[in-house]
Amino acid sequence: MNETRKKISVAILARNEEDTVGKVIEAVRSYAGETLVVDGNSTDGTAEVARSLGALVKRSEEHTSELQSHSFISYAVFCLKKKKKQQNT
């Protein structure tokens, strides 16, 4: 893994995207050192597909359209920092 890839984190908003979330994760894999999927209260297998491909999945009770704001970015950064802190302990 090159140094640039290690520094890039990709956050994906998803709600009921079981059929496509895997394709998106695969598409960013060569760029991302880590991938976060914020699952906007999906009722399908979105979270399971994302986890099976190694993404960190955080479930939000908000729907995706409500997450598309500055608060989403803050939430994604919080989740990634928390994951890194846990890895360092």
N, C-alpha and C. Protein backbone atom coordinates (compact mmCIF):
# COMPACT_ATOMS: atom_id res chain seq x y z
N MET A 1 0.86 -1.17 0.00
CA MET A 1 0.00 0.00 0.00
C MET A 1 0.90 1.23 0.00
N ASN A 2 0.67 2.13 -0.93
CA ASN A 2 1.53 3.30 -0.96
C ASN A 2 1.10 4.33 0.08
N GLU A 3 1.99 5.30 0.32
CA GLU A 3 1.74 6.28 1.38
C GLU A 3 0.52 7.14 1.12
N THR A 4 0.28 7.52 -0.13
CA THR A 4 -0.89 8.35 -0.44
C THR A 4 -2.16 7.61 -0.11
N ARG A 5 -2.26 6.36 -0.48
CA ARG A 5 -3.46 5.56 -0.22
C ARG A 5 -3.73 5.45 1.28
N LYS A 6 -2.70 5.30 2.07
CA LYS A 6 -2.88 5.18 3.51
C LYS A 6 -3.54 6.41 4.10
N LYS A 7 -3.34 7.57 3.51
CA LYS A 7 -3.83 8.83 4.05
C LYS A 7 -5.25 9.16 3.62
N ILE A 8 -5.79 8.46 2.65
CA ILE A 8 -7.11 8.79 2.13
C ILE A 8 -8.17 7.90 2.76
N SER A 9 -9.18 8.54 3.34
CA SER A 9 -10.34 7.83 3.86
C SER A 9 -11.54 8.21 3.01
N VAL A 10 -12.34 7.23 2.65
CA VAL A 10 -13.52 7.47 1.83
C VAL A 10 -14.76 7.18 2.67
N ALA A 11 -15.69 8.14 2.68
CA ALA A 11 -16.96 7.97 3.38
C ALA A 11 -18.07 7.89 2.34
N ILE A 12 -18.90 6.87 2.47
CA ILE A 12 -19.98 6.63 1.52
C ILE A 12 -21.31 6.68 2.26
N LEU A 13 -22.21 7.51 1.77
CA LEU A 13 -23.59 7.54 2.28
C LEU A 13 -24.37 6.46 1.55
N ALA A 14 -25.14 5.67 2.26
CA ALA A 14 -25.91 4.63 1.58
C ALA A 14 -27.20 4.33 2.33
N ARG A 15 -28.25 4.13 1.57
CA ARG A 15 -29.53 3.68 2.13
C ARG A 15 -30.17 2.76 1.11
N ASN A 16 -30.36 1.51 1.51
CA ASN A 16 -30.95 0.50 0.64
C ASN A 16 -30.20 0.40 -0.70
N GLU A 17 -28.88 0.27 -0.59
CA GLU A 17 -28.01 0.18 -1.76
C GLU A 17 -27.29 -1.17 -1.82
N GLU A 18 -27.96 -2.20 -1.37
CA GLU A 18 -27.37 -3.54 -1.35
C GLU A 18 -26.78 -3.94 -2.71
N ASP A 19 -27.46 -3.58 -3.77
CA ASP A 19 -27.02 -3.99 -5.11
C ASP A 19 -25.85 -3.17 -5.65
N THR A 20 -25.60 -1.98 -5.09
CA THR A 20 -24.55 -1.13 -5.65
C THR A 20 -23.41 -0.77 -4.69
N VAL A 21 -23.61 -0.88 -3.40
CA VAL A 21 -22.58 -0.45 -2.46
C VAL A 21 -21.27 -1.22 -2.65
N GLY A 22 -21.36 -2.48 -2.98
CA GLY A 22 -20.16 -3.27 -3.22
C GLY A 22 -19.35 -2.76 -4.39
N LYS A 23 -20.04 -2.36 -5.45
CA LYS A 23 -19.35 -1.81 -6.63
C LYS A 23 -18.64 -0.51 -6.29
N VAL A 24 -19.27 0.31 -5.47
CA VAL A 24 -18.66 1.58 -5.08
C VAL A 24 -17.42 1.32 -4.21
N ILE A 25 -17.55 0.43 -3.26
CA ILE A 25 -16.40 0.10 -2.39
C ILE A 25 -15.24 -0.43 -3.22
N GLU A 26 -15.53 -1.32 -4.13
CA GLU A 26 -14.49 -1.87 -5.00
C GLU A 26 -13.84 -0.78 -5.84
N ALA A 27 -14.65 0.18 -6.31
CA ALA A 27 -14.12 1.25 -7.16
C ALA A 27 -13.17 2.17 -6.41
N VAL A 28 -13.39 2.38 -5.11
CA VAL A 28 -12.52 3.29 -4.35
C VAL A 28 -11.38 2.56 -3.65
N ARG A 29 -11.41 1.27 -3.67
CA ARG A 29 -10.42 0.47 -2.93
C ARG A 29 -8.98 0.83 -3.31
N SER A 30 -8.72 1.10 -4.57
CA SER A 30 -7.34 1.40 -4.98
C SER A 30 -6.89 2.78 -4.52
N TYR A 31 -7.81 3.64 -4.14
CA TYR A 31 -7.49 4.98 -3.67
C TYR A 31 -7.50 5.10 -2.16
N ALA A 32 -8.32 4.30 -1.51
CA ALA A 32 -8.61 4.51 -0.08
C ALA A 32 -7.80 3.58 0.82
N GLY A 33 -7.27 4.18 1.89
CA GLY A 33 -6.66 3.38 2.93
C GLY A 33 -7.71 2.76 3.83
N GLU A 34 -8.87 3.43 3.89
CA GLU A 34 -9.99 2.92 4.66
C GLU A 34 -11.29 3.47 4.07
N THR A 35 -12.35 2.71 4.28
CA THR A 35 -13.65 3.09 3.74
C THR A 35 -14.68 3.02 4.86
N LEU A 36 -15.46 4.08 4.99
CA LEU A 36 -16.55 4.15 5.96
C LEU A 36 -17.86 4.23 5.19
N VAL A 37 -18.80 3.37 5.54
CA VAL A 37 -20.15 3.45 4.98
C VAL A 37 -21.08 3.87 6.10
N VAL A 38 -21.74 5.01 5.91
CA VAL A 38 -22.77 5.45 6.85
C VAL A 38 -24.08 4.96 6.29
N ASP A 39 -24.64 3.97 6.97
CA ASP A 39 -25.87 3.33 6.53
C ASP A 39 -27.06 4.12 7.06
N GLY A 40 -27.79 4.75 6.16
CA GLY A 40 -28.91 5.60 6.53
C GLY A 40 -30.18 4.83 6.79
N ASN A 41 -30.14 3.92 7.78
CA ASN A 41 -31.33 3.19 8.20
C ASN A 41 -31.86 2.26 7.11
N SER A 42 -30.95 1.55 6.46
CA SER A 42 -31.34 0.63 5.38
C SER A 42 -32.19 -0.52 5.89
N THR A 43 -33.03 -1.02 5.01
CA THR A 43 -33.86 -2.17 5.34
C THR A 43 -33.46 -3.39 4.52
N ASP A 44 -32.37 -3.28 3.78
CA ASP A 44 -31.87 -4.41 2.99
C ASP A 44 -30.50 -4.83 3.53
N GLY A 45 -29.70 -5.45 2.73
CA GLY A 45 -28.40 -5.96 3.17
C GLY A 45 -27.23 -5.03 2.91
N THR A 46 -27.49 -3.73 2.82
CA THR A 46 -26.42 -2.77 2.54
C THR A 46 -25.25 -2.91 3.51
N ALA A 47 -25.53 -2.91 4.80
CA ALA A 47 -24.48 -2.97 5.81
C ALA A 47 -23.69 -4.27 5.73
N GLU A 48 -24.37 -5.36 5.51
CA GLU A 48 -23.70 -6.67 5.44
C GLU A 48 -22.76 -6.73 4.25
N VAL A 49 -23.20 -6.23 3.10
CA VAL A 49 -22.34 -6.22 1.91
C VAL A 49 -21.11 -5.37 2.17
N ALA A 50 -21.31 -4.19 2.73
CA ALA A 50 -20.18 -3.29 3.00
C ALA A 50 -19.19 -3.93 3.97
N ARG A 51 -19.69 -4.53 5.04
CA ARG A 51 -18.80 -5.19 6.01
C ARG A 51 -18.03 -6.34 5.37
N SER A 52 -18.70 -7.08 4.52
CA SER A 52 -18.05 -8.23 3.88
C SER A 52 -16.88 -7.81 3.00
N LEU A 53 -16.89 -6.55 2.58
CA LEU A 53 -15.81 -6.01 1.74
C LEU A 53 -14.80 -5.20 2.55
N GLY A 54 -14.91 -5.26 3.87
CA GLY A 54 -13.93 -4.64 4.74
C GLY A 54 -14.21 -3.20 5.12
N ALA A 55 -15.36 -2.67 4.77
CA ALA A 55 -15.69 -1.28 5.14
C ALA A 55 -16.12 -1.22 6.60
N LEU A 56 -15.81 -0.11 7.23
CA LEU A 56 -16.33 0.19 8.55
C LEU A 56 -17.74 0.71 8.35
N VAL A 57 -18.72 0.12 9.02
CA VAL A 57 -20.11 0.51 8.83
C VAL A 57 -20.65 1.12 10.11
N LYS A 58 -21.21 2.29 9.99
CA LYS A 58 -21.88 2.96 11.10
C LYS A 58 -23.32 3.19 10.68
N ARG A 59 -24.25 2.76 11.50
CA ARG A 59 -25.66 2.93 11.19
C ARG A 59 -26.16 4.25 11.77
N SER A 60 -26.91 4.95 10.97
CA SER A 60 -27.52 6.20 11.41
C SER A 60 -29.02 6.04 11.32
N GLU A 61 -29.72 6.54 12.30
CA GLU A 61 -31.17 6.48 12.27
C GLU A 61 -31.76 7.51 11.31
N GLU A 62 -30.91 8.42 10.84
CA GLU A 62 -31.34 9.43 9.87
C GLU A 62 -31.31 8.81 8.48
N HIS A 63 -32.18 9.27 7.62
CA HIS A 63 -32.15 8.82 6.24
C HIS A 63 -31.04 9.55 5.50
N THR A 64 -30.59 8.97 4.42
CA THR A 64 -29.45 9.51 3.68
C THR A 64 -29.63 10.97 3.32
N SER A 65 -30.79 11.37 2.85
CA SER A 65 -30.98 12.76 2.43
C SER A 65 -30.77 13.72 3.59
N GLU A 66 -31.08 13.28 4.80
CA GLU A 66 -30.89 14.13 5.97
C GLU A 66 -29.42 14.17 6.41
N LEU A 67 -28.64 13.19 5.97
CA LEU A 67 -27.23 13.14 6.32
C LEU A 67 -26.37 13.98 5.39
N GLN A 68 -26.88 14.37 4.26
CA GLN A 68 -26.10 15.09 3.28
C GLN A 68 -25.93 16.55 3.68
N SER A 69 -25.15 16.73 4.69
CA SER A 69 -24.93 18.07 5.23
C SER A 69 -23.59 18.09 5.94
N HIS A 70 -23.25 19.23 6.49
CA HIS A 70 -22.00 19.35 7.24
C HIS A 70 -21.96 18.37 8.41
N SER A 71 -23.11 18.10 9.00
CA SER A 71 -23.13 17.18 10.14
C SER A 71 -22.70 15.78 9.74
N PHE A 72 -22.99 15.37 8.50
CA PHE A 72 -22.53 14.07 8.03
C PHE A 72 -21.02 14.02 8.00
N ILE A 73 -20.42 15.07 7.46
CA ILE A 73 -18.97 15.09 7.38
C ILE A 73 -18.36 15.02 8.77
N SER A 74 -18.91 15.76 9.70
CA SER A 74 -18.42 15.71 11.08
C SER A 74 -18.56 14.31 11.66
N TYR A 75 -19.68 13.65 11.39
CA TYR A 75 -19.92 12.30 11.89
C TYR A 75 -18.91 11.32 11.29
N ALA A 76 -18.68 11.43 10.00
CA ALA A 76 -17.74 10.53 9.32
C ALA A 76 -16.34 10.71 9.89
N VAL A 77 -15.91 11.94 10.06
CA VAL A 77 -14.58 12.21 10.63
C VAL A 77 -14.50 11.65 12.04
N PHE A 78 -15.52 11.86 12.85
CA PHE A 78 -15.56 11.33 14.21
C PHE A 78 -15.38 9.80 14.21
N CYS A 79 -16.11 9.12 13.33
CA CYS A 79 -16.03 7.65 13.28
C CYS A 79 -14.64 7.19 12.89
N LEU A 80 -14.04 7.84 11.90
CA LEU A 80 -12.72 7.43 11.46
C LEU A 80 -11.66 7.71 12.52
N LYS A 81 -11.77 8.85 13.21
CA LYS A 81 -10.82 9.14 14.29
C LYS A 81 -10.96 8.16 15.43
N LYS A 82 -12.19 7.79 15.76
CA LYS A 82 -12.43 6.81 16.81
C LYS A 82 -11.82 5.47 16.45
N LYS A 83 -11.96 5.06 15.20
CA LYS A 83 -11.39 3.79 14.74
C LYS A 83 -9.87 3.82 14.86
N LYS A 84 -9.25 4.92 14.44
CA LYS A 84 -7.79 5.03 14.51
C LYS A 84 -7.31 5.01 15.96
N LYS A 85 -8.05 5.69 16.83
CA LYS A 85 -7.67 5.71 18.25
C LYS A 85 -7.73 4.30 18.83
N GLN A 86 -8.76 3.54 18.48
CA GLN A 86 -8.88 2.17 18.97
C GLN A 86 -7.75 1.29 18.44
N GLN A 87 -7.32 1.52 17.21
CA GLN A 87 -6.24 0.74 16.63
C GLN A 87 -4.91 1.04 17.30
N ASN A 88 -4.75 2.25 17.82
CA ASN A 88 -3.49 2.65 18.44
C ASN A 88 -3.38 2.24 19.90
N THR A 89 -4.45 1.70 20.47
CA THR A 89 -4.39 1.30 21.88
C THR A 89 -4.20 -0.18 22.02
